[in-house]
Amino acid sequence: MKTNDKFDIIILSGNSIGEITFKKLQQNSVNTAKFHVEEMNPEEILSKDCELFVLCSDKMENYEFFNRMFNSKRKKWLSARMNEYIGEIGPIVIPKRTACFKCYTIRKLSADYLERKENAPIDLKKKDICAEIIADILVLKIMKIIGNDEDIKDFNSVIEIDPINNAIFRHTVLKVPNCEVCGV
């Protein structure tokens, strides 16, 4: 693959959500490339041309690194992760326009409504089913973004999916004025 290839979506995969999402986007004829998060060189990632980067990883240090990198190079990106069986999609980060991932983590730490009790671990079969549900919602969100159907309120939010308890929440994410990554 040449570094000047143009893609609609580049998935940086580090979990089952990324793998499932990649397959589903290909089934929908979306021009998609996938790279494993741990195996990519940052300069190689930034050399790729795409409409949207999608980071799917369960390691928070990846989010901190890519948030800084994508913001510094003004690359639009979206993320998805899963903790046990609860999934999160978002926020969509558009540098200089929306809150970044650091803003989200700062807001999340200070918000009581996002706190959840620790749940008992679930078996792997149920976790795989949950990853499939989260990937389905992620694919719908990606299709809206590349089809320009995304509502501006969707840019400033995180969707939290709890398939075991049949619950979906949408949390608004506002910019933090003194954010070290995107703040003024």
N, C-alpha and C. Protein backbone atom coordinates (compact mmCIF):
# COMPACT_ATOMS: atom_id res chain seq x y z
N MET A 1 0.83 -1.18 0.00
CA MET A 1 0.00 0.00 0.00
C MET A 1 0.88 1.24 0.00
N LYS A 2 0.61 2.17 -0.89
CA LYS A 2 1.38 3.40 -0.98
C LYS A 2 0.92 4.38 0.09
N THR A 3 1.82 5.28 0.49
CA THR A 3 1.46 6.25 1.52
C THR A 3 0.51 7.31 0.99
N ASN A 4 0.35 7.43 -0.33
CA ASN A 4 -0.54 8.45 -0.85
C ASN A 4 -1.92 7.90 -1.20
N ASP A 5 -2.23 6.67 -0.79
CA ASP A 5 -3.56 6.12 -1.02
C ASP A 5 -4.59 6.95 -0.26
N LYS A 6 -5.75 7.15 -0.87
CA LYS A 6 -6.83 7.92 -0.24
C LYS A 6 -7.91 6.95 0.22
N PHE A 7 -8.27 7.05 1.50
CA PHE A 7 -9.30 6.20 2.08
C PHE A 7 -10.40 7.08 2.66
N ASP A 8 -11.61 6.51 2.75
CA ASP A 8 -12.66 7.21 3.48
C ASP A 8 -12.38 7.10 4.98
N ILE A 9 -12.03 5.88 5.40
CA ILE A 9 -11.84 5.59 6.82
C ILE A 9 -10.55 4.82 7.01
N ILE A 10 -9.79 5.19 8.04
CA ILE A 10 -8.64 4.38 8.47
C ILE A 10 -8.92 3.96 9.90
N ILE A 11 -8.97 2.66 10.12
CA ILE A 11 -9.21 2.12 11.45
C ILE A 11 -7.88 1.74 12.07
N LEU A 12 -7.63 2.26 13.24
CA LEU A 12 -6.47 1.89 14.04
C LEU A 12 -7.00 0.93 15.09
N SER A 13 -6.79 -0.35 14.84
CA SER A 13 -7.46 -1.38 15.62
C SER A 13 -6.55 -1.93 16.73
N GLY A 14 -7.14 -2.03 17.89
CA GLY A 14 -6.46 -2.64 19.03
C GLY A 14 -7.41 -3.48 19.86
N ASN A 15 -8.62 -3.67 19.35
CA ASN A 15 -9.60 -4.51 20.07
C ASN A 15 -10.58 -5.13 19.08
N SER A 16 -11.47 -5.96 19.58
CA SER A 16 -12.41 -6.65 18.70
C SER A 16 -13.39 -5.69 18.03
N ILE A 17 -13.68 -4.56 18.65
CA ILE A 17 -14.57 -3.57 18.03
C ILE A 17 -13.96 -3.09 16.71
N GLY A 18 -12.67 -2.83 16.70
CA GLY A 18 -11.99 -2.38 15.49
C GLY A 18 -12.04 -3.42 14.39
N GLU A 19 -11.81 -4.67 14.75
CA GLU A 19 -11.83 -5.76 13.76
C GLU A 19 -13.23 -5.93 13.17
N ILE A 20 -14.23 -5.93 14.01
CA ILE A 20 -15.62 -6.10 13.55
C ILE A 20 -16.04 -4.91 12.68
N THR A 21 -15.70 -3.71 13.14
CA THR A 21 -16.07 -2.50 12.40
C THR A 21 -15.44 -2.51 11.01
N PHE A 22 -14.19 -2.90 10.91
CA PHE A 22 -13.50 -2.96 9.62
C PHE A 22 -14.25 -3.89 8.66
N LYS A 23 -14.61 -5.07 9.13
CA LYS A 23 -15.32 -6.04 8.28
C LYS A 23 -16.67 -5.49 7.83
N LYS A 24 -17.39 -4.86 8.75
CA LYS A 24 -18.71 -4.33 8.42
C LYS A 24 -18.63 -3.16 7.42
N LEU A 25 -17.62 -2.32 7.57
CA LEU A 25 -17.46 -1.22 6.62
C LEU A 25 -17.12 -1.76 5.23
N GLN A 26 -16.28 -2.78 5.18
CA GLN A 26 -15.96 -3.39 3.88
C GLN A 26 -17.22 -4.00 3.25
N GLN A 27 -18.05 -4.63 4.06
CA GLN A 27 -19.30 -5.21 3.55
C GLN A 27 -20.22 -4.14 2.97
N ASN A 28 -20.09 -2.91 3.49
CA ASN A 28 -20.89 -1.79 3.01
C ASN A 28 -20.17 -0.98 1.93
N SER A 29 -19.11 -1.55 1.38
CA SER A 29 -18.35 -0.94 0.28
C SER A 29 -17.74 0.41 0.64
N VAL A 30 -17.35 0.58 1.90
CA VAL A 30 -16.67 1.80 2.32
C VAL A 30 -15.17 1.58 2.12
N ASN A 31 -14.52 2.53 1.46
CA ASN A 31 -13.09 2.45 1.19
C ASN A 31 -12.33 2.59 2.52
N THR A 32 -11.94 1.46 3.09
CA THR A 32 -11.41 1.41 4.45
C THR A 32 -10.07 0.69 4.49
N ALA A 33 -9.18 1.21 5.32
CA ALA A 33 -7.91 0.52 5.60
C ALA A 33 -7.86 0.28 7.10
N LYS A 34 -7.14 -0.78 7.49
CA LYS A 34 -7.02 -1.10 8.91
C LYS A 34 -5.55 -1.34 9.23
N PHE A 35 -5.13 -0.79 10.35
CA PHE A 35 -3.77 -0.99 10.84
C PHE A 35 -3.86 -1.31 12.32
N HIS A 36 -2.96 -2.15 12.80
CA HIS A 36 -2.95 -2.47 14.22
C HIS A 36 -2.26 -1.34 14.97
N VAL A 37 -2.89 -0.86 16.02
CA VAL A 37 -2.41 0.29 16.78
C VAL A 37 -0.96 0.12 17.23
N GLU A 38 -0.64 -1.04 17.74
CA GLU A 38 0.69 -1.26 18.33
C GLU A 38 1.78 -1.41 17.27
N GLU A 39 1.41 -1.64 16.02
CA GLU A 39 2.40 -1.91 14.98
C GLU A 39 2.64 -0.73 14.05
N MET A 40 1.94 0.37 14.26
CA MET A 40 2.05 1.50 13.34
C MET A 40 3.06 2.53 13.83
N ASN A 41 3.78 3.08 12.90
CA ASN A 41 4.67 4.20 13.14
C ASN A 41 3.82 5.48 13.02
N PRO A 42 3.88 6.39 13.99
CA PRO A 42 3.03 7.60 13.94
C PRO A 42 3.17 8.39 12.65
N GLU A 43 4.40 8.52 12.13
CA GLU A 43 4.59 9.26 10.88
C GLU A 43 3.88 8.56 9.72
N GLU A 44 3.89 7.23 9.74
CA GLU A 44 3.21 6.47 8.70
C GLU A 44 1.70 6.70 8.77
N ILE A 45 1.16 6.75 9.98
CA ILE A 45 -0.27 7.00 10.15
C ILE A 45 -0.63 8.38 9.59
N LEU A 46 0.15 9.38 9.96
CA LEU A 46 -0.14 10.75 9.53
C LEU A 46 0.04 10.95 8.03
N SER A 47 0.81 10.08 7.39
CA SER A 47 1.00 10.21 5.94
C SER A 47 -0.21 9.70 5.16
N LYS A 48 -1.10 8.99 5.82
CA LYS A 48 -2.29 8.46 5.15
C LYS A 48 -3.33 9.56 4.98
N ASP A 49 -4.02 9.51 3.87
CA ASP A 49 -5.05 10.50 3.57
C ASP A 49 -6.41 9.84 3.74
N CYS A 50 -7.25 10.43 4.58
CA CYS A 50 -8.58 9.86 4.79
C CYS A 50 -9.54 10.92 5.30
N GLU A 51 -10.81 10.58 5.21
CA GLU A 51 -11.88 11.45 5.73
C GLU A 51 -11.91 11.42 7.26
N LEU A 52 -11.66 10.24 7.82
CA LEU A 52 -11.80 10.06 9.26
C LEU A 52 -10.92 8.92 9.75
N PHE A 53 -10.17 9.17 10.83
CA PHE A 53 -9.45 8.12 11.53
C PHE A 53 -10.37 7.59 12.63
N VAL A 54 -10.35 6.28 12.85
CA VAL A 54 -11.16 5.67 13.91
C VAL A 54 -10.23 4.84 14.78
N LEU A 55 -10.08 5.24 16.03
CA LEU A 55 -9.22 4.53 16.98
C LEU A 55 -10.08 3.61 17.83
N CYS A 56 -9.77 2.32 17.77
CA CYS A 56 -10.48 1.32 18.57
C CYS A 56 -9.44 0.61 19.43
N SER A 57 -9.38 0.98 20.68
CA SER A 57 -8.39 0.42 21.60
C SER A 57 -8.96 0.46 23.01
N ASP A 58 -8.51 -0.49 23.82
CA ASP A 58 -8.93 -0.49 25.22
C ASP A 58 -7.83 0.05 26.13
N LYS A 59 -6.74 0.53 25.54
CA LYS A 59 -5.63 1.09 26.31
C LYS A 59 -5.72 2.61 26.30
N MET A 60 -5.94 3.20 27.46
CA MET A 60 -6.13 4.65 27.54
C MET A 60 -4.90 5.43 27.09
N GLU A 61 -3.70 4.88 27.27
CA GLU A 61 -2.50 5.61 26.84
C GLU A 61 -2.50 5.83 25.33
N ASN A 62 -3.14 4.95 24.56
CA ASN A 62 -3.26 5.16 23.12
C ASN A 62 -4.09 6.40 22.82
N TYR A 63 -5.13 6.63 23.59
CA TYR A 63 -6.00 7.79 23.36
C TYR A 63 -5.27 9.09 23.64
N GLU A 64 -4.50 9.11 24.72
CA GLU A 64 -3.74 10.32 25.04
C GLU A 64 -2.75 10.64 23.94
N PHE A 65 -2.03 9.62 23.46
CA PHE A 65 -1.03 9.81 22.41
C PHE A 65 -1.67 10.28 21.11
N PHE A 66 -2.70 9.55 20.64
CA PHE A 66 -3.32 9.90 19.36
C PHE A 66 -4.08 11.22 19.44
N ASN A 67 -4.66 11.54 20.59
CA ASN A 67 -5.34 12.83 20.74
C ASN A 67 -4.35 13.97 20.49
N ARG A 68 -3.18 13.90 21.09
CA ARG A 68 -2.16 14.95 20.89
C ARG A 68 -1.70 14.97 19.43
N MET A 69 -1.44 13.79 18.89
CA MET A 69 -0.92 13.70 17.53
C MET A 69 -1.95 14.21 16.51
N PHE A 70 -3.18 13.73 16.59
CA PHE A 70 -4.20 14.14 15.62
C PHE A 70 -4.54 15.62 15.77
N ASN A 71 -4.58 16.13 17.00
CA ASN A 71 -4.86 17.55 17.19
C ASN A 71 -3.75 18.41 16.62
N SER A 72 -2.50 18.01 16.82
CA SER A 72 -1.38 18.81 16.31
C SER A 72 -1.35 18.85 14.79
N LYS A 73 -1.84 17.81 14.14
CA LYS A 73 -1.85 17.74 12.67
C LYS A 73 -3.24 18.03 12.09
N ARG A 74 -4.18 18.40 12.95
CA ARG A 74 -5.54 18.76 12.55
C ARG A 74 -6.24 17.67 11.76
N LYS A 75 -6.20 16.46 12.30
CA LYS A 75 -6.86 15.30 11.69
C LYS A 75 -8.14 14.99 12.45
N LYS A 76 -9.24 14.79 11.72
CA LYS A 76 -10.54 14.44 12.32
C LYS A 76 -10.50 12.97 12.73
N TRP A 77 -10.98 12.69 13.95
CA TRP A 77 -10.98 11.29 14.41
C TRP A 77 -12.11 11.00 15.37
N LEU A 78 -12.40 9.72 15.48
CA LEU A 78 -13.47 9.18 16.32
C LEU A 78 -12.88 7.98 17.04
N SER A 79 -13.43 7.64 18.18
CA SER A 79 -12.90 6.50 18.93
C SER A 79 -14.01 5.62 19.48
N ALA A 80 -13.62 4.38 19.78
CA ALA A 80 -14.54 3.42 20.40
C ALA A 80 -13.75 2.49 21.29
N ARG A 81 -14.30 2.22 22.45
CA ARG A 81 -13.61 1.36 23.42
C ARG A 81 -14.64 0.62 24.26
N MET A 82 -14.16 -0.42 24.95
CA MET A 82 -15.05 -1.21 25.78
C MET A 82 -14.35 -1.53 27.10
N ASN A 83 -15.08 -1.33 28.19
CA ASN A 83 -14.60 -1.67 29.52
C ASN A 83 -15.54 -2.74 30.04
N GLU A 84 -15.01 -3.96 30.19
CA GLU A 84 -15.85 -5.13 30.46
C GLU A 84 -16.84 -5.25 29.32
N TYR A 85 -18.08 -4.85 29.51
CA TYR A 85 -19.07 -4.93 28.43
C TYR A 85 -19.69 -3.58 28.10
N ILE A 86 -19.33 -2.54 28.81
CA ILE A 86 -19.87 -1.22 28.53
C ILE A 86 -18.99 -0.54 27.48
N GLY A 87 -19.62 -0.13 26.39
CA GLY A 87 -18.88 0.49 25.31
C GLY A 87 -19.09 1.99 25.27
N GLU A 88 -18.10 2.68 24.73
CA GLU A 88 -18.19 4.12 24.52
C GLU A 88 -17.77 4.41 23.08
N ILE A 89 -18.53 5.27 22.44
CA ILE A 89 -18.21 5.73 21.10
C ILE A 89 -18.15 7.25 21.14
N GLY A 90 -17.02 7.79 20.72
CA GLY A 90 -16.85 9.24 20.67
C GLY A 90 -15.88 9.73 21.71
N PRO A 91 -15.72 11.02 21.72
CA PRO A 91 -16.35 12.02 20.87
C PRO A 91 -15.69 12.06 19.49
N ILE A 92 -16.39 12.68 18.55
CA ILE A 92 -15.78 12.97 17.25
C ILE A 92 -14.93 14.21 17.48
N VAL A 93 -13.66 14.10 17.21
CA VAL A 93 -12.75 15.22 17.45
C VAL A 93 -12.42 15.88 16.11
N ILE A 94 -12.81 17.14 16.00
CA ILE A 94 -12.45 17.96 14.85
C ILE A 94 -11.60 19.10 15.41
N PRO A 95 -10.27 19.03 15.24
CA PRO A 95 -9.40 20.02 15.85
C PRO A 95 -9.82 21.46 15.53
N LYS A 96 -9.72 22.30 16.53
CA LYS A 96 -10.10 23.72 16.49
C LYS A 96 -11.61 23.95 16.43
N ARG A 97 -12.39 22.86 16.40
CA ARG A 97 -13.85 23.02 16.29
C ARG A 97 -14.60 22.37 17.44
N THR A 98 -14.16 21.17 17.87
CA THR A 98 -14.87 20.43 18.92
C THR A 98 -13.93 20.12 20.09
N ALA A 99 -14.53 19.65 21.15
CA ALA A 99 -13.74 19.21 22.30
C ALA A 99 -12.86 18.03 21.89
N CYS A 100 -11.67 17.96 22.47
CA CYS A 100 -10.77 16.85 22.18
C CYS A 100 -10.98 15.73 23.21
N PHE A 101 -10.24 14.66 23.05
CA PHE A 101 -10.40 13.53 23.96
C PHE A 101 -9.97 13.88 25.38
N LYS A 102 -8.99 14.76 25.53
CA LYS A 102 -8.56 15.20 26.87
C LYS A 102 -9.70 15.96 27.55
N CYS A 103 -10.40 16.81 26.80
CA CYS A 103 -11.56 17.51 27.36
C CYS A 103 -12.58 16.49 27.87
N TYR A 104 -12.81 15.45 27.06
CA TYR A 104 -13.75 14.41 27.46
C TYR A 104 -13.33 13.74 28.76
N THR A 105 -12.07 13.36 28.87
CA THR A 105 -11.63 12.67 30.10
C THR A 105 -11.70 13.59 31.31
N ILE A 106 -11.39 14.87 31.14
CA ILE A 106 -11.50 15.83 32.25
C ILE A 106 -12.96 15.96 32.67
N ARG A 107 -13.85 16.12 31.71
CA ARG A 107 -15.28 16.24 32.02
C ARG A 107 -15.83 14.96 32.64
N LYS A 108 -15.38 13.83 32.14
CA LYS A 108 -15.87 12.55 32.66
C LYS A 108 -15.47 12.37 34.12
N LEU A 109 -14.26 12.75 34.46
CA LEU A 109 -13.80 12.61 35.84
C LEU A 109 -14.60 13.48 36.80
N SER A 110 -15.10 14.60 36.29
CA SER A 110 -15.82 15.52 37.18
C SER A 110 -17.33 15.34 37.15
N ALA A 111 -17.83 14.44 36.32
CA ALA A 111 -19.28 14.27 36.17
C ALA A 111 -19.79 13.07 36.94
N ASP A 112 -20.72 13.31 37.85
CA ASP A 112 -21.28 12.22 38.65
C ASP A 112 -22.10 11.25 37.82
N TYR A 113 -22.78 11.76 36.77
CA TYR A 113 -23.68 10.90 36.01
C TYR A 113 -22.95 9.83 35.20
N LEU A 114 -21.65 9.98 35.02
CA LEU A 114 -20.91 8.96 34.28
C LEU A 114 -20.33 7.88 35.18
N GLU A 115 -20.42 8.08 36.49
CA GLU A 115 -19.86 7.08 37.39
C GLU A 115 -20.76 5.85 37.41
N ARG A 116 -20.14 4.70 37.36
CA ARG A 116 -20.87 3.44 37.38
C ARG A 116 -20.26 2.55 38.45
N LYS A 117 -21.11 1.74 39.03
CA LYS A 117 -20.60 0.75 39.97
C LYS A 117 -19.84 -0.31 39.20
N GLU A 118 -18.86 -0.90 39.86
CA GLU A 118 -18.13 -1.99 39.21
C GLU A 118 -19.06 -3.17 39.02
N ASN A 119 -19.11 -3.68 37.83
CA ASN A 119 -19.94 -4.83 37.54
C ASN A 119 -19.08 -6.10 37.56
N ALA A 120 -19.71 -7.18 37.85
CA ALA A 120 -19.00 -8.46 37.83
C ALA A 120 -18.58 -8.75 36.40
N PRO A 121 -17.39 -9.32 36.21
CA PRO A 121 -16.95 -9.65 34.86
C PRO A 121 -17.93 -10.61 34.19
N ILE A 122 -18.06 -10.47 32.88
CA ILE A 122 -18.95 -11.35 32.15
C ILE A 122 -18.11 -12.33 31.34
N ASP A 123 -18.74 -13.40 30.93
CA ASP A 123 -17.98 -14.40 30.17
C ASP A 123 -17.65 -13.88 28.77
N LEU A 124 -16.65 -14.47 28.15
CA LEU A 124 -16.15 -13.99 26.86
C LEU A 124 -17.20 -14.03 25.76
N LYS A 125 -18.10 -15.01 25.79
CA LYS A 125 -19.13 -15.10 24.77
C LYS A 125 -20.02 -13.86 24.80
N LYS A 126 -20.43 -13.45 26.00
CA LYS A 126 -21.25 -12.24 26.13
C LYS A 126 -20.45 -11.00 25.75
N LYS A 127 -19.17 -10.97 26.09
CA LYS A 127 -18.34 -9.82 25.75
C LYS A 127 -18.23 -9.68 24.23
N ASP A 128 -18.11 -10.80 23.52
CA ASP A 128 -18.06 -10.77 22.05
C ASP A 128 -19.36 -10.24 21.46
N ILE A 129 -20.48 -10.63 22.04
CA ILE A 129 -21.78 -10.14 21.58
C ILE A 129 -21.88 -8.64 21.82
N CYS A 130 -21.41 -8.18 22.97
CA CYS A 130 -21.42 -6.74 23.28
C CYS A 130 -20.55 -5.97 22.29
N ALA A 131 -19.37 -6.51 21.97
CA ALA A 131 -18.48 -5.86 21.00
C ALA A 131 -19.17 -5.75 19.65
N GLU A 132 -19.92 -6.76 19.27
CA GLU A 132 -20.65 -6.75 18.00
C GLU A 132 -21.70 -5.63 17.99
N ILE A 133 -22.42 -5.47 19.07
CA ILE A 133 -23.44 -4.42 19.18
C ILE A 133 -22.79 -3.04 19.10
N ILE A 134 -21.70 -2.86 19.83
CA ILE A 134 -20.99 -1.57 19.83
C ILE A 134 -20.45 -1.27 18.44
N ALA A 135 -19.91 -2.28 17.76
CA ALA A 135 -19.39 -2.09 16.40
C ALA A 135 -20.52 -1.70 15.44
N ASP A 136 -21.70 -2.30 15.59
CA ASP A 136 -22.84 -1.95 14.74
C ASP A 136 -23.19 -0.46 14.88
N ILE A 137 -23.23 0.02 16.10
CA ILE A 137 -23.55 1.43 16.34
C ILE A 137 -22.43 2.32 15.81
N LEU A 138 -21.18 1.89 15.98
CA LEU A 138 -20.04 2.64 15.46
C LEU A 138 -20.11 2.75 13.94
N VAL A 139 -20.44 1.67 13.27
CA VAL A 139 -20.55 1.68 11.80
C VAL A 139 -21.64 2.67 11.37
N LEU A 140 -22.78 2.67 12.05
CA LEU A 140 -23.84 3.63 11.72
C LEU A 140 -23.34 5.07 11.87
N LYS A 141 -22.62 5.32 12.94
CA LYS A 141 -22.08 6.67 13.17
C LYS A 141 -21.09 7.06 12.08
N ILE A 142 -20.20 6.14 11.71
CA ILE A 142 -19.23 6.40 10.65
C ILE A 142 -19.94 6.68 9.33
N MET A 143 -20.95 5.87 9.01
CA MET A 143 -21.69 6.06 7.76
C MET A 143 -22.37 7.43 7.73
N LYS A 144 -22.87 7.90 8.88
CA LYS A 144 -23.46 9.23 8.94
C LYS A 144 -22.40 10.30 8.70
N ILE A 145 -21.22 10.12 9.27
CA ILE A 145 -20.15 11.12 9.13
C ILE A 145 -19.71 11.22 7.68
N ILE A 146 -19.42 10.09 7.05
CA ILE A 146 -18.93 10.17 5.66
C ILE A 146 -20.04 10.52 4.68
N GLY A 147 -21.29 10.36 5.09
CA GLY A 147 -22.41 10.76 4.25
C GLY A 147 -22.88 12.17 4.54
N ASN A 148 -22.16 12.88 5.43
CA ASN A 148 -22.50 14.24 5.84
C ASN A 148 -23.90 14.34 6.43
N ASP A 149 -24.36 13.27 7.08
CA ASP A 149 -25.67 13.28 7.73
C ASP A 149 -25.56 13.58 9.23
N GLU A 150 -24.35 13.74 9.72
CA GLU A 150 -24.13 13.90 11.15
C GLU A 150 -24.63 15.25 11.62
N ASP A 151 -25.42 15.25 12.67
CA ASP A 151 -25.91 16.46 13.29
C ASP A 151 -24.79 17.04 14.15
N ILE A 152 -24.68 18.35 14.22
CA ILE A 152 -23.59 18.98 14.97
C ILE A 152 -23.60 18.56 16.43
N LYS A 153 -24.78 18.29 17.00
CA LYS A 153 -24.82 17.86 18.40
C LYS A 153 -24.15 16.50 18.59
N ASP A 154 -24.11 15.69 17.53
CA ASP A 154 -23.42 14.40 17.61
C ASP A 154 -21.91 14.56 17.73
N PHE A 155 -21.38 15.68 17.20
CA PHE A 155 -19.94 15.89 17.29
C PHE A 155 -19.48 16.08 18.73
N ASN A 156 -20.31 16.69 19.53
CA ASN A 156 -19.93 17.01 20.90
C ASN A 156 -20.57 16.06 21.91
N SER A 157 -20.51 14.77 21.61
CA SER A 157 -21.11 13.81 22.52
C SER A 157 -20.39 12.48 22.49
N VAL A 158 -20.62 11.72 23.54
CA VAL A 158 -20.14 10.34 23.65
C VAL A 158 -21.37 9.48 23.86
N ILE A 159 -21.43 8.39 23.12
CA ILE A 159 -22.51 7.43 23.31
C ILE A 159 -21.98 6.31 24.19
N GLU A 160 -22.68 6.03 25.26
CA GLU A 160 -22.32 4.93 26.16
C GLU A 160 -23.35 3.82 25.97
N ILE A 161 -22.88 2.63 25.69
CA ILE A 161 -23.76 1.50 25.41
C ILE A 161 -23.55 0.43 26.46
N ASP A 162 -24.64 0.04 27.12
CA ASP A 162 -24.61 -1.02 28.12
C ASP A 162 -25.59 -2.11 27.67
N PRO A 163 -25.13 -3.03 26.79
CA PRO A 163 -26.05 -4.03 26.24
C PRO A 163 -26.62 -5.00 27.26
N ILE A 164 -25.89 -5.28 28.33
CA ILE A 164 -26.36 -6.22 29.34
C ILE A 164 -27.59 -5.67 30.06
N ASN A 165 -27.59 -4.37 30.34
CA ASN A 165 -28.70 -3.74 31.05
C ASN A 165 -29.65 -2.99 30.10
N ASN A 166 -29.50 -3.20 28.80
CA ASN A 166 -30.37 -2.58 27.80
C ASN A 166 -30.43 -1.06 27.95
N ALA A 167 -29.27 -0.43 28.02
CA ALA A 167 -29.24 1.02 28.22
C ALA A 167 -28.26 1.68 27.26
N ILE A 168 -28.69 2.81 26.73
CA ILE A 168 -27.82 3.65 25.90
C ILE A 168 -27.95 5.08 26.42
N PHE A 169 -26.80 5.72 26.64
CA PHE A 169 -26.77 7.09 27.14
C PHE A 169 -25.99 7.94 26.15
N ARG A 170 -26.41 9.20 26.06
CA ARG A 170 -25.65 10.17 25.28
C ARG A 170 -25.19 11.25 26.24
N HIS A 171 -23.88 11.49 26.27
CA HIS A 171 -23.31 12.49 27.15
C HIS A 171 -22.69 13.61 26.32
N THR A 172 -23.08 14.83 26.61
CA THR A 172 -22.51 15.98 25.92
C THR A 172 -21.11 16.24 26.44
N VAL A 173 -20.21 16.56 25.52
CA VAL A 173 -18.83 16.87 25.89
C VAL A 173 -18.54 18.30 25.45
N LEU A 174 -18.22 19.15 26.41
CA LEU A 174 -17.87 20.53 26.12
C LEU A 174 -16.37 20.73 26.19
N LYS A 175 -15.88 21.69 25.44
CA LYS A 175 -14.46 22.02 25.49
C LYS A 175 -14.11 22.51 26.90
N VAL A 176 -12.91 22.15 27.34
CA VAL A 176 -12.38 22.67 28.59
C VAL A 176 -11.52 23.87 28.20
N PRO A 177 -11.84 25.07 28.69
CA PRO A 177 -11.13 26.28 28.24
C PRO A 177 -9.61 26.22 28.43
N ASN A 178 -9.15 25.57 29.47
CA ASN A 178 -7.71 25.52 29.71
C ASN A 178 -7.10 24.15 29.38
N CYS A 179 -7.72 23.42 28.45
CA CYS A 179 -7.22 22.12 28.06
C CYS A 179 -5.82 22.26 27.46
N GLU A 180 -4.91 21.43 27.93
CA GLU A 180 -3.52 21.51 27.45
C GLU A 180 -3.36 21.04 26.02
N VAL A 181 -4.34 20.35 25.47
CA VAL A 181 -4.24 19.85 24.10
C VAL A 181 -4.94 20.79 23.10
N CYS A 182 -6.17 21.18 23.40
CA CYS A 182 -6.94 21.97 22.42
C CYS A 182 -7.37 23.34 22.94
N GLY A 183 -7.17 23.62 24.22
CA GLY A 183 -7.62 24.89 24.79
C GLY A 183 -6.87 26.09 24.25
N VAL A 184 -7.50 27.23 24.41
CA VAL A 184 -6.92 28.47 23.91
C VAL A 184 -5.91 28.99 24.90
